[in-house]
Amino acid sequence: MKSLVLASGNPGKHAEIQALLDPFGTHVVTQVELGITEAGEPYDTFFENALAKARHASFATRLPALADDSGLCVEALGGAPGVQSARYAGEPRSDLRNNQKLLAEMAVHEDRRAHYVCVLVLVRGPGDTQPLVAEAAWHGEIARAPRGSSGFGYDPLFYLKDLDRTAAELPPEEKNRISHRGQALARLLELLKSE
């Protein structure tokens, strides 16, 4: 694929996905750049939201579309914020307020286990009835204070014990290789190659 639409306006996701697809010569354009409004995300699963977003972008542009629905699932919070990760502290979306809310919620919990989930859905065009789906998880813990300035979302709080760093302390190329999104995209590329 020479180009595809990313069903997102998130600059962090765009940068990560473009970097991961650069070696294949694929140009990623966001739906925002094309003037496409965001699709609703009314569903309770990452898959359903990603599928709705990919179909929305593809129908609007008549191009292949890739959608990512991802979030942070914290064991002590019963999987929250989960599919509500981007809006955990309400609207308008704010990484800072989301992180502050998460730290406040976690103040009484000793169990700090958490994982990021990413579900990628690629539709080849508006009528694609067999979209490609790839999913991955990235396990870590919730830090007691933010660390690092790279990444976005909950990265300053997502602590990787084996590396003794948060996701926000990783160089982008390392994060792209080991993250939930990087793993899911690698699986998606394998599916594409097998076709």
N, C-alpha and C. Protein backbone atom coordinates (compact mmCIF):
# COMPACT_ATOMS: atom_id res chain seq x y z
N MET A 1 0.83 -1.18 0.00
CA MET A 1 0.00 0.00 0.00
C MET A 1 0.88 1.24 0.00
N LYS A 2 0.67 2.09 -1.00
CA LYS A 2 1.47 3.32 -1.09
C LYS A 2 1.00 4.35 -0.09
N SER A 3 -0.30 4.40 0.17
CA SER A 3 -0.81 5.36 1.16
C SER A 3 -2.05 4.79 1.82
N LEU A 4 -2.29 5.25 3.02
CA LEU A 4 -3.51 4.88 3.72
C LEU A 4 -3.88 6.00 4.68
N VAL A 5 -5.15 6.00 5.04
CA VAL A 5 -5.67 7.00 5.96
C VAL A 5 -5.62 6.42 7.37
N LEU A 6 -5.07 7.18 8.29
CA LEU A 6 -5.12 6.80 9.69
C LEU A 6 -6.36 7.43 10.29
N ALA A 7 -7.23 6.58 10.82
CA ALA A 7 -8.51 7.05 11.38
C ALA A 7 -8.27 7.62 12.77
N SER A 8 -7.50 8.70 12.80
CA SER A 8 -7.17 9.36 14.06
C SER A 8 -6.61 10.73 13.75
N GLY A 9 -6.69 11.61 14.72
CA GLY A 9 -6.04 12.89 14.61
C GLY A 9 -4.93 13.03 15.64
N ASN A 10 -4.68 11.95 16.38
CA ASN A 10 -3.68 11.97 17.45
C ASN A 10 -2.28 12.04 16.85
N PRO A 11 -1.56 13.15 17.06
CA PRO A 11 -0.23 13.27 16.46
C PRO A 11 0.77 12.23 16.95
N GLY A 12 0.63 11.78 18.21
CA GLY A 12 1.52 10.75 18.73
C GLY A 12 1.33 9.43 18.01
N LYS A 13 0.07 9.04 17.82
CA LYS A 13 -0.21 7.79 17.09
C LYS A 13 0.26 7.90 15.65
N HIS A 14 0.01 9.05 15.03
CA HIS A 14 0.42 9.25 13.64
C HIS A 14 1.93 9.08 13.50
N ALA A 15 2.69 9.73 14.38
CA ALA A 15 4.15 9.65 14.32
C ALA A 15 4.64 8.21 14.51
N GLU A 16 4.05 7.50 15.48
CA GLU A 16 4.46 6.11 15.74
C GLU A 16 4.16 5.22 14.54
N ILE A 17 2.95 5.33 14.01
CA ILE A 17 2.54 4.45 12.91
C ILE A 17 3.31 4.79 11.64
N GLN A 18 3.53 6.09 11.37
CA GLN A 18 4.32 6.46 10.19
C GLN A 18 5.74 5.91 10.30
N ALA A 19 6.34 6.03 11.47
CA ALA A 19 7.70 5.52 11.66
C ALA A 19 7.76 4.01 11.44
N LEU A 20 6.74 3.30 11.89
CA LEU A 20 6.71 1.85 11.73
C LEU A 20 6.47 1.43 10.28
N LEU A 21 5.78 2.27 9.51
CA LEU A 21 5.49 1.93 8.11
C LEU A 21 6.48 2.52 7.11
N ASP A 22 7.35 3.42 7.57
CA ASP A 22 8.35 4.03 6.68
C ASP A 22 9.16 3.01 5.89
N PRO A 23 9.63 1.92 6.53
CA PRO A 23 10.45 0.96 5.77
C PRO A 23 9.70 0.31 4.60
N PHE A 24 8.38 0.39 4.61
CA PHE A 24 7.59 -0.23 3.54
C PHE A 24 7.17 0.78 2.48
N GLY A 25 7.60 2.04 2.66
CA GLY A 25 7.27 3.07 1.68
C GLY A 25 5.82 3.50 1.70
N THR A 26 5.14 3.27 2.82
CA THR A 26 3.73 3.65 2.92
C THR A 26 3.60 5.03 3.55
N HIS A 27 2.88 5.90 2.88
CA HIS A 27 2.62 7.24 3.41
C HIS A 27 1.32 7.21 4.20
N VAL A 28 1.38 7.67 5.43
CA VAL A 28 0.21 7.69 6.31
C VAL A 28 -0.30 9.12 6.42
N VAL A 29 -1.54 9.33 6.05
CA VAL A 29 -2.18 10.64 6.18
C VAL A 29 -3.31 10.51 7.20
N THR A 30 -3.44 11.48 8.06
CA THR A 30 -4.51 11.39 9.07
C THR A 30 -5.82 11.88 8.49
N GLN A 31 -6.91 11.39 9.07
CA GLN A 31 -8.22 11.83 8.61
C GLN A 31 -8.41 13.33 8.85
N VAL A 32 -7.75 13.86 9.87
CA VAL A 32 -7.85 15.29 10.15
C VAL A 32 -7.27 16.10 8.99
N GLU A 33 -6.13 15.64 8.44
CA GLU A 33 -5.51 16.32 7.30
C GLU A 33 -6.44 16.35 6.10
N LEU A 34 -7.33 15.37 6.00
CA LEU A 34 -8.26 15.28 4.88
C LEU A 34 -9.62 15.90 5.20
N GLY A 35 -9.73 16.48 6.40
CA GLY A 35 -10.98 17.14 6.76
C GLY A 35 -12.10 16.20 7.17
N ILE A 36 -11.74 14.97 7.56
CA ILE A 36 -12.73 13.97 7.98
C ILE A 36 -12.94 14.09 9.49
N THR A 37 -14.18 14.17 9.90
CA THR A 37 -14.48 14.24 11.33
C THR A 37 -14.25 12.87 11.98
N GLU A 38 -14.03 12.88 13.28
CA GLU A 38 -13.83 11.64 14.01
C GLU A 38 -15.12 10.83 14.07
N ALA A 39 -14.98 9.53 14.03
CA ALA A 39 -16.13 8.64 14.22
C ALA A 39 -16.42 8.55 15.71
N GLY A 40 -17.64 8.23 16.03
CA GLY A 40 -17.99 7.97 17.42
C GLY A 40 -17.32 6.69 17.90
N GLU A 41 -17.13 6.58 19.21
CA GLU A 41 -16.56 5.38 19.81
C GLU A 41 -17.51 4.91 20.92
N PRO A 42 -18.69 4.46 20.53
CA PRO A 42 -19.70 4.13 21.54
C PRO A 42 -19.60 2.72 22.12
N TYR A 43 -18.66 1.94 21.63
CA TYR A 43 -18.64 0.52 21.98
C TYR A 43 -17.82 0.24 23.22
N ASP A 44 -18.05 -0.95 23.77
CA ASP A 44 -17.37 -1.37 25.00
C ASP A 44 -16.11 -2.18 24.75
N THR A 45 -15.76 -2.39 23.46
CA THR A 45 -14.55 -3.16 23.17
C THR A 45 -13.64 -2.37 22.24
N PHE A 46 -12.35 -2.62 22.36
CA PHE A 46 -11.38 -1.97 21.50
C PHE A 46 -11.64 -2.34 20.04
N PHE A 47 -11.96 -3.62 19.78
CA PHE A 47 -12.19 -4.08 18.41
C PHE A 47 -13.35 -3.34 17.75
N GLU A 48 -14.48 -3.26 18.42
CA GLU A 48 -15.64 -2.61 17.81
C GLU A 48 -15.38 -1.14 17.51
N ASN A 49 -14.70 -0.46 18.42
CA ASN A 49 -14.38 0.94 18.19
C ASN A 49 -13.40 1.11 17.03
N ALA A 50 -12.38 0.26 16.96
CA ALA A 50 -11.41 0.35 15.87
C ALA A 50 -12.07 0.07 14.52
N LEU A 51 -12.94 -0.92 14.48
CA LEU A 51 -13.64 -1.25 13.23
C LEU A 51 -14.52 -0.08 12.78
N ALA A 52 -15.25 0.51 13.70
CA ALA A 52 -16.12 1.64 13.37
C ALA A 52 -15.30 2.81 12.83
N LYS A 53 -14.15 3.07 13.45
CA LYS A 53 -13.30 4.19 13.02
C LYS A 53 -12.70 3.93 11.63
N ALA A 54 -12.23 2.70 11.39
CA ALA A 54 -11.64 2.36 10.09
C ALA A 54 -12.69 2.47 8.99
N ARG A 55 -13.87 1.93 9.22
CA ARG A 55 -14.92 2.00 8.20
C ARG A 55 -15.33 3.45 7.91
N HIS A 56 -15.45 4.24 8.96
CA HIS A 56 -15.83 5.65 8.80
C HIS A 56 -14.83 6.38 7.91
N ALA A 57 -13.53 6.22 8.18
CA ALA A 57 -12.49 6.90 7.41
C ALA A 57 -12.46 6.41 5.97
N SER A 58 -12.63 5.10 5.77
CA SER A 58 -12.58 4.55 4.43
C SER A 58 -13.78 4.99 3.60
N PHE A 59 -14.97 4.99 4.20
CA PHE A 59 -16.15 5.44 3.47
C PHE A 59 -16.02 6.91 3.08
N ALA A 60 -15.45 7.72 3.95
CA ALA A 60 -15.33 9.15 3.70
C ALA A 60 -14.28 9.48 2.64
N THR A 61 -13.23 8.65 2.54
CA THR A 61 -12.11 8.95 1.64
C THR A 61 -12.03 8.03 0.43
N ARG A 62 -12.70 6.88 0.50
CA ARG A 62 -12.64 5.84 -0.54
C ARG A 62 -11.24 5.22 -0.63
N LEU A 63 -10.48 5.33 0.44
CA LEU A 63 -9.11 4.81 0.50
C LEU A 63 -9.01 3.72 1.55
N PRO A 64 -7.91 2.93 1.52
CA PRO A 64 -7.66 2.02 2.63
C PRO A 64 -7.51 2.83 3.92
N ALA A 65 -8.00 2.28 5.01
CA ALA A 65 -7.94 3.00 6.29
C ALA A 65 -7.49 2.07 7.40
N LEU A 66 -6.65 2.64 8.26
CA LEU A 66 -6.14 1.92 9.42
C LEU A 66 -6.64 2.63 10.67
N ALA A 67 -7.23 1.87 11.57
CA ALA A 67 -7.69 2.45 12.83
C ALA A 67 -7.05 1.68 13.98
N ASP A 68 -6.75 2.43 15.00
CA ASP A 68 -6.17 1.88 16.21
C ASP A 68 -7.12 2.24 17.33
N ASP A 69 -7.50 1.27 18.12
CA ASP A 69 -8.15 1.61 19.38
C ASP A 69 -7.30 0.97 20.45
N SER A 70 -6.87 1.79 21.36
CA SER A 70 -5.96 1.29 22.38
C SER A 70 -6.24 1.98 23.69
N GLY A 71 -5.71 1.40 24.73
CA GLY A 71 -5.92 2.00 26.04
C GLY A 71 -5.12 1.29 27.10
N LEU A 72 -5.20 1.86 28.28
CA LEU A 72 -4.49 1.33 29.44
C LEU A 72 -5.48 0.60 30.34
N CYS A 73 -5.15 -0.62 30.72
CA CYS A 73 -6.01 -1.42 31.60
C CYS A 73 -5.23 -1.68 32.90
N VAL A 74 -5.80 -1.23 34.00
CA VAL A 74 -5.13 -1.33 35.30
C VAL A 74 -5.84 -2.39 36.14
N GLU A 75 -5.07 -3.38 36.60
CA GLU A 75 -5.65 -4.51 37.34
C GLU A 75 -6.46 -4.05 38.55
N ALA A 76 -5.88 -3.18 39.38
CA ALA A 76 -6.54 -2.77 40.62
C ALA A 76 -7.81 -1.97 40.39
N LEU A 77 -7.97 -1.46 39.17
CA LEU A 77 -9.16 -0.66 38.84
C LEU A 77 -10.14 -1.46 37.98
N GLY A 78 -10.00 -2.77 38.01
CA GLY A 78 -10.93 -3.62 37.26
C GLY A 78 -10.83 -3.45 35.76
N GLY A 79 -9.65 -3.06 35.27
CA GLY A 79 -9.45 -2.89 33.84
C GLY A 79 -9.63 -1.45 33.37
N ALA A 80 -10.04 -0.56 34.25
CA ALA A 80 -10.16 0.85 33.88
C ALA A 80 -8.77 1.44 33.73
N PRO A 81 -8.63 2.50 32.98
CA PRO A 81 -9.63 3.21 32.19
C PRO A 81 -10.09 2.50 30.93
N GLY A 82 -9.34 1.51 30.43
CA GLY A 82 -9.78 0.69 29.31
C GLY A 82 -10.15 1.50 28.08
N VAL A 83 -11.33 1.20 27.49
CA VAL A 83 -11.72 1.89 26.26
C VAL A 83 -11.98 3.37 26.49
N GLN A 84 -12.07 3.78 27.74
CA GLN A 84 -12.26 5.20 28.05
C GLN A 84 -10.94 5.91 28.34
N SER A 85 -9.82 5.31 28.00
CA SER A 85 -8.51 5.87 28.36
C SER A 85 -8.32 7.31 27.93
N ALA A 86 -8.71 7.65 26.72
CA ALA A 86 -8.49 9.02 26.22
C ALA A 86 -9.38 10.04 26.93
N ARG A 87 -10.52 9.56 27.46
CA ARG A 87 -11.49 10.47 28.08
C ARG A 87 -11.68 10.17 29.57
N TYR A 88 -10.68 9.57 30.19
CA TYR A 88 -10.78 9.12 31.57
C TYR A 88 -11.16 10.25 32.52
N ALA A 89 -10.59 11.42 32.30
CA ALA A 89 -10.89 12.57 33.17
C ALA A 89 -11.94 13.49 32.54
N GLY A 90 -12.65 13.00 31.54
CA GLY A 90 -13.71 13.77 30.90
C GLY A 90 -13.24 14.56 29.70
N GLU A 91 -14.15 15.36 29.16
CA GLU A 91 -13.87 16.21 28.01
C GLU A 91 -13.55 17.62 28.49
N PRO A 92 -12.76 18.37 27.78
CA PRO A 92 -11.97 17.94 26.63
C PRO A 92 -10.86 16.99 27.06
N ARG A 93 -10.43 16.16 26.13
CA ARG A 93 -9.39 15.18 26.43
C ARG A 93 -8.12 15.88 26.90
N SER A 94 -7.49 15.28 27.89
CA SER A 94 -6.25 15.86 28.42
C SER A 94 -5.38 14.77 29.02
N ASP A 95 -4.20 14.57 28.44
CA ASP A 95 -3.26 13.60 29.00
C ASP A 95 -2.91 13.95 30.44
N LEU A 96 -2.69 15.23 30.70
CA LEU A 96 -2.31 15.66 32.04
C LEU A 96 -3.40 15.33 33.06
N ARG A 97 -4.64 15.67 32.75
CA ARG A 97 -5.74 15.39 33.69
C ARG A 97 -5.98 13.89 33.83
N ASN A 98 -5.84 13.15 32.73
CA ASN A 98 -5.99 11.69 32.81
C ASN A 98 -4.95 11.08 33.74
N ASN A 99 -3.70 11.54 33.61
CA ASN A 99 -2.63 11.02 34.46
C ASN A 99 -2.85 11.40 35.92
N GLN A 100 -3.30 12.61 36.15
CA GLN A 100 -3.58 13.04 37.52
C GLN A 100 -4.69 12.21 38.14
N LYS A 101 -5.73 11.94 37.37
CA LYS A 101 -6.84 11.12 37.88
C LYS A 101 -6.36 9.71 38.19
N LEU A 102 -5.55 9.14 37.28
CA LEU A 102 -5.05 7.79 37.50
C LEU A 102 -4.20 7.72 38.77
N LEU A 103 -3.32 8.67 38.97
CA LEU A 103 -2.50 8.68 40.18
C LEU A 103 -3.37 8.79 41.44
N ALA A 104 -4.40 9.60 41.38
CA ALA A 104 -5.30 9.75 42.53
C ALA A 104 -6.04 8.44 42.81
N GLU A 105 -6.51 7.79 41.76
CA GLU A 105 -7.23 6.51 41.91
C GLU A 105 -6.31 5.42 42.47
N MET A 106 -5.04 5.47 42.08
CA MET A 106 -4.10 4.42 42.47
C MET A 106 -3.48 4.66 43.84
N ALA A 107 -3.73 5.79 44.44
CA ALA A 107 -3.10 6.15 45.72
C ALA A 107 -3.33 5.11 46.81
N VAL A 108 -4.46 4.42 46.77
CA VAL A 108 -4.80 3.46 47.83
C VAL A 108 -4.48 2.02 47.43
N HIS A 109 -3.88 1.80 46.27
CA HIS A 109 -3.65 0.44 45.77
C HIS A 109 -2.17 0.08 45.78
N GLU A 110 -1.87 -1.09 46.30
CA GLU A 110 -0.50 -1.62 46.24
C GLU A 110 -0.26 -2.38 44.94
N ASP A 111 -1.31 -3.01 44.41
CA ASP A 111 -1.18 -3.75 43.15
C ASP A 111 -1.08 -2.72 42.02
N ARG A 112 0.09 -2.60 41.41
CA ARG A 112 0.33 -1.57 40.39
C ARG A 112 0.33 -2.15 38.97
N ARG A 113 0.00 -3.44 38.83
CA ARG A 113 0.05 -4.08 37.50
C ARG A 113 -0.92 -3.41 36.52
N ALA A 114 -0.43 -3.27 35.28
CA ALA A 114 -1.24 -2.66 34.22
C ALA A 114 -0.72 -3.15 32.87
N HIS A 115 -1.54 -2.99 31.86
CA HIS A 115 -1.08 -3.28 30.51
C HIS A 115 -1.79 -2.39 29.51
N TYR A 116 -1.05 -2.04 28.50
CA TYR A 116 -1.63 -1.35 27.34
C TYR A 116 -2.18 -2.42 26.40
N VAL A 117 -3.29 -2.10 25.75
CA VAL A 117 -3.88 -2.95 24.72
C VAL A 117 -3.96 -2.13 23.44
N CYS A 118 -3.67 -2.75 22.32
CA CYS A 118 -3.86 -2.11 21.02
C CYS A 118 -4.55 -3.09 20.09
N VAL A 119 -5.62 -2.64 19.47
CA VAL A 119 -6.28 -3.39 18.40
C VAL A 119 -6.21 -2.53 17.14
N LEU A 120 -5.59 -3.08 16.10
CA LEU A 120 -5.52 -2.41 14.80
C LEU A 120 -6.47 -3.09 13.84
N VAL A 121 -7.21 -2.28 13.09
CA VAL A 121 -8.09 -2.79 12.05
C VAL A 121 -7.76 -2.08 10.76
N LEU A 122 -7.49 -2.85 9.71
CA LEU A 122 -7.21 -2.29 8.39
C LEU A 122 -8.32 -2.72 7.45
N VAL A 123 -9.00 -1.75 6.87
CA VAL A 123 -9.96 -2.03 5.80
C VAL A 123 -9.33 -1.57 4.50
N ARG A 124 -9.39 -2.40 3.48
CA ARG A 124 -8.73 -2.12 2.22
C ARG A 124 -9.51 -1.13 1.37
N GLY A 125 -10.78 -0.92 1.72
CA GLY A 125 -11.65 0.00 1.00
C GLY A 125 -13.01 0.01 1.68
N PRO A 126 -13.92 0.86 1.21
CA PRO A 126 -15.22 1.02 1.88
C PRO A 126 -16.05 -0.25 1.97
N GLY A 127 -15.90 -1.15 1.02
CA GLY A 127 -16.73 -2.36 1.03
C GLY A 127 -16.04 -3.59 1.57
N ASP A 128 -14.91 -3.43 2.22
CA ASP A 128 -14.12 -4.57 2.71
C ASP A 128 -14.90 -5.32 3.79
N THR A 129 -15.26 -6.56 3.49
CA THR A 129 -16.02 -7.38 4.44
C THR A 129 -15.12 -8.30 5.27
N GLN A 130 -13.83 -8.30 4.96
CA GLN A 130 -12.88 -9.11 5.70
C GLN A 130 -11.67 -8.27 6.11
N PRO A 131 -11.89 -7.32 7.01
CA PRO A 131 -10.78 -6.47 7.43
C PRO A 131 -9.71 -7.28 8.15
N LEU A 132 -8.49 -6.78 8.10
CA LEU A 132 -7.40 -7.41 8.83
C LEU A 132 -7.39 -6.85 10.25
N VAL A 133 -7.21 -7.74 11.21
CA VAL A 133 -7.25 -7.35 12.63
C VAL A 133 -6.02 -7.91 13.33
N ALA A 134 -5.35 -7.06 14.08
CA ALA A 134 -4.19 -7.48 14.87
C ALA A 134 -4.29 -6.86 16.25
N GLU A 135 -3.92 -7.64 17.24
CA GLU A 135 -4.04 -7.19 18.63
C GLU A 135 -2.76 -7.53 19.39
N ALA A 136 -2.40 -6.67 20.34
CA ALA A 136 -1.24 -6.95 21.19
C ALA A 136 -1.41 -6.24 22.53
N ALA A 137 -0.65 -6.73 23.51
CA ALA A 137 -0.65 -6.12 24.84
C ALA A 137 0.79 -5.87 25.26
N TRP A 138 0.97 -4.87 26.12
CA TRP A 138 2.29 -4.49 26.63
C TRP A 138 2.16 -4.36 28.14
N HIS A 139 2.86 -5.21 28.88
CA HIS A 139 2.67 -5.28 30.34
C HIS A 139 3.69 -4.45 31.10
N GLY A 140 3.20 -3.83 32.17
CA GLY A 140 4.06 -3.01 33.02
C GLY A 140 3.36 -2.74 34.34
N GLU A 141 3.71 -1.62 34.94
CA GLU A 141 3.13 -1.21 36.22
C GLU A 141 2.85 0.28 36.18
N ILE A 142 2.05 0.75 37.11
CA ILE A 142 1.79 2.18 37.24
C ILE A 142 2.80 2.76 38.22
N ALA A 143 3.59 3.71 37.76
CA ALA A 143 4.57 4.39 38.61
C ALA A 143 3.85 5.26 39.64
N ARG A 144 4.54 5.63 40.67
CA ARG A 144 3.94 6.47 41.71
C ARG A 144 4.05 7.96 41.39
N ALA A 145 4.84 8.29 40.38
CA ALA A 145 4.96 9.68 39.91
C ALA A 145 5.39 9.64 38.44
N PRO A 146 5.02 10.63 37.65
CA PRO A 146 5.41 10.64 36.24
C PRO A 146 6.92 10.79 36.06
N ARG A 147 7.43 10.12 35.02
CA ARG A 147 8.84 10.21 34.67
C ARG A 147 8.97 10.22 33.15
N GLY A 148 9.81 11.09 32.63
CA GLY A 148 10.09 11.12 31.20
C GLY A 148 9.25 12.14 30.45
N SER A 149 9.73 12.46 29.25
CA SER A 149 9.05 13.49 28.45
C SER A 149 8.73 13.04 27.03
N SER A 150 9.01 11.80 26.69
CA SER A 150 8.67 11.29 25.36
C SER A 150 7.29 10.64 25.41
N GLY A 151 6.81 10.26 24.23
CA GLY A 151 5.54 9.55 24.17
C GLY A 151 4.37 10.47 24.43
N PHE A 152 3.24 9.85 24.78
CA PHE A 152 2.00 10.58 25.02
C PHE A 152 1.10 9.72 25.88
N GLY A 153 -0.06 10.22 26.21
CA GLY A 153 -1.00 9.45 27.01
C GLY A 153 -0.45 9.15 28.39
N TYR A 154 -0.52 7.89 28.77
CA TYR A 154 -0.09 7.45 30.10
C TYR A 154 1.39 7.05 30.15
N ASP A 155 2.13 7.30 29.09
CA ASP A 155 3.52 6.86 29.02
C ASP A 155 4.37 7.30 30.21
N PRO A 156 4.19 8.53 30.76
CA PRO A 156 5.02 8.91 31.91
C PRO A 156 4.75 8.08 33.17
N LEU A 157 3.61 7.39 33.20
CA LEU A 157 3.26 6.58 34.37
C LEU A 157 3.41 5.08 34.12
N PHE A 158 3.66 4.68 32.87
CA PHE A 158 3.73 3.26 32.53
C PHE A 158 5.16 2.77 32.71
N TYR A 159 5.39 2.13 33.86
CA TYR A 159 6.72 1.72 34.28
C TYR A 159 7.03 0.30 33.84
N LEU A 160 8.21 0.14 33.23
CA LEU A 160 8.68 -1.15 32.74
C LEU A 160 9.80 -1.62 33.67
N LYS A 161 9.45 -2.55 34.54
CA LYS A 161 10.37 -2.97 35.61
C LYS A 161 11.69 -3.51 35.06
N ASP A 162 11.61 -4.34 34.02
CA ASP A 162 12.84 -4.94 33.49
C ASP A 162 13.78 -3.91 32.87
N LEU A 163 13.26 -2.76 32.45
CA LEU A 163 14.09 -1.70 31.88
C LEU A 163 14.36 -0.58 32.88
N ASP A 164 13.66 -0.60 34.01
CA ASP A 164 13.74 0.44 35.03
C ASP A 164 13.52 1.83 34.42
N ARG A 165 12.54 1.90 33.51
CA ARG A 165 12.18 3.15 32.86
C ARG A 165 10.68 3.16 32.60
N THR A 166 10.13 4.35 32.46
CA THR A 166 8.75 4.45 32.00
C THR A 166 8.77 4.49 30.47
N ALA A 167 7.61 4.29 29.88
CA ALA A 167 7.52 4.36 28.42
C ALA A 167 7.94 5.74 27.91
N ALA A 168 7.72 6.77 28.72
CA ALA A 168 8.10 8.14 28.33
C ALA A 168 9.60 8.39 28.43
N GLU A 169 10.33 7.44 28.99
CA GLU A 169 11.79 7.56 29.07
C GLU A 169 12.50 6.78 27.97
N LEU A 170 11.74 6.09 27.14
CA LEU A 170 12.32 5.30 26.07
C LEU A 170 12.54 6.14 24.82
N PRO A 171 13.63 5.90 24.10
CA PRO A 171 13.77 6.54 22.78
C PRO A 171 12.62 6.05 21.88
N PRO A 172 12.12 6.90 21.00
CA PRO A 172 10.97 6.51 20.17
C PRO A 172 11.16 5.21 19.41
N GLU A 173 12.36 4.97 18.87
CA GLU A 173 12.58 3.74 18.10
C GLU A 173 12.49 2.50 18.97
N GLU A 174 12.93 2.60 20.23
CA GLU A 174 12.82 1.46 21.15
C GLU A 174 11.37 1.23 21.54
N LYS A 175 10.68 2.32 21.86
CA LYS A 175 9.26 2.19 22.21
C LYS A 175 8.48 1.58 21.05
N ASN A 176 8.72 2.06 19.83
CA ASN A 176 8.00 1.54 18.66
C ASN A 176 8.23 0.05 18.47
N ARG A 177 9.40 -0.42 18.84
CA ARG A 177 9.72 -1.84 18.66
C ARG A 177 9.00 -2.73 19.67
N ILE A 178 8.87 -2.26 20.93
CA ILE A 178 8.37 -3.15 21.99
C ILE A 178 6.95 -2.82 22.48
N SER A 179 6.40 -1.70 22.03
CA SER A 179 5.09 -1.28 22.55
C SER A 179 3.96 -2.14 22.02
N HIS A 180 2.79 -1.98 22.62
CA HIS A 180 1.57 -2.66 22.18
C HIS A 180 1.27 -2.32 20.72
N ARG A 181 1.45 -1.05 20.34
CA ARG A 181 1.16 -0.63 18.97
C ARG A 181 2.19 -1.21 18.01
N GLY A 182 3.46 -1.19 18.40
CA GLY A 182 4.50 -1.78 17.57
C GLY A 182 4.30 -3.26 17.35
N GLN A 183 3.95 -3.97 18.42
CA GLN A 183 3.69 -5.41 18.31
C GLN A 183 2.48 -5.70 17.41
N ALA A 184 1.40 -4.91 17.60
CA ALA A 184 0.19 -5.12 16.80
C ALA A 184 0.46 -4.82 15.33
N LEU A 185 1.23 -3.77 15.06
CA LEU A 185 1.52 -3.42 13.67
C LEU A 185 2.41 -4.49 13.02
N ALA A 186 3.34 -5.04 13.77
CA ALA A 186 4.17 -6.14 13.24
C ALA A 186 3.29 -7.33 12.87
N ARG A 187 2.31 -7.63 13.69
CA ARG A 187 1.39 -8.74 13.38
C ARG A 187 0.54 -8.41 12.16
N LEU A 188 0.11 -7.16 12.06
CA LEU A 188 -0.70 -6.73 10.91
C LEU A 188 0.12 -6.84 9.62
N LEU A 189 1.39 -6.44 9.67
CA LEU A 189 2.25 -6.55 8.49
C LEU A 189 2.45 -8.00 8.08
N GLU A 190 2.55 -8.89 9.07
CA GLU A 190 2.65 -10.32 8.73
C GLU A 190 1.40 -10.80 8.01
N LEU A 191 0.23 -10.34 8.47
CA LEU A 191 -1.01 -10.71 7.80
C LEU A 191 -1.04 -10.19 6.37
N LEU A 192 -0.57 -8.96 6.18
CA LEU A 192 -0.52 -8.38 4.83
C LEU A 192 0.42 -9.17 3.93
N LYS A 193 1.58 -9.55 4.46
CA LYS A 193 2.55 -10.31 3.67
C LYS A 193 1.98 -11.66 3.26
N SER A 194 1.21 -12.28 4.15
CA SER A 194 0.65 -13.61 3.85
C SER A 194 -0.41 -13.56 2.77
N GLU A 195 -0.92 -12.35 2.50
CA GLU A 195 -1.90 -12.21 1.42
C GLU A 195 -1.19 -12.16 0.07
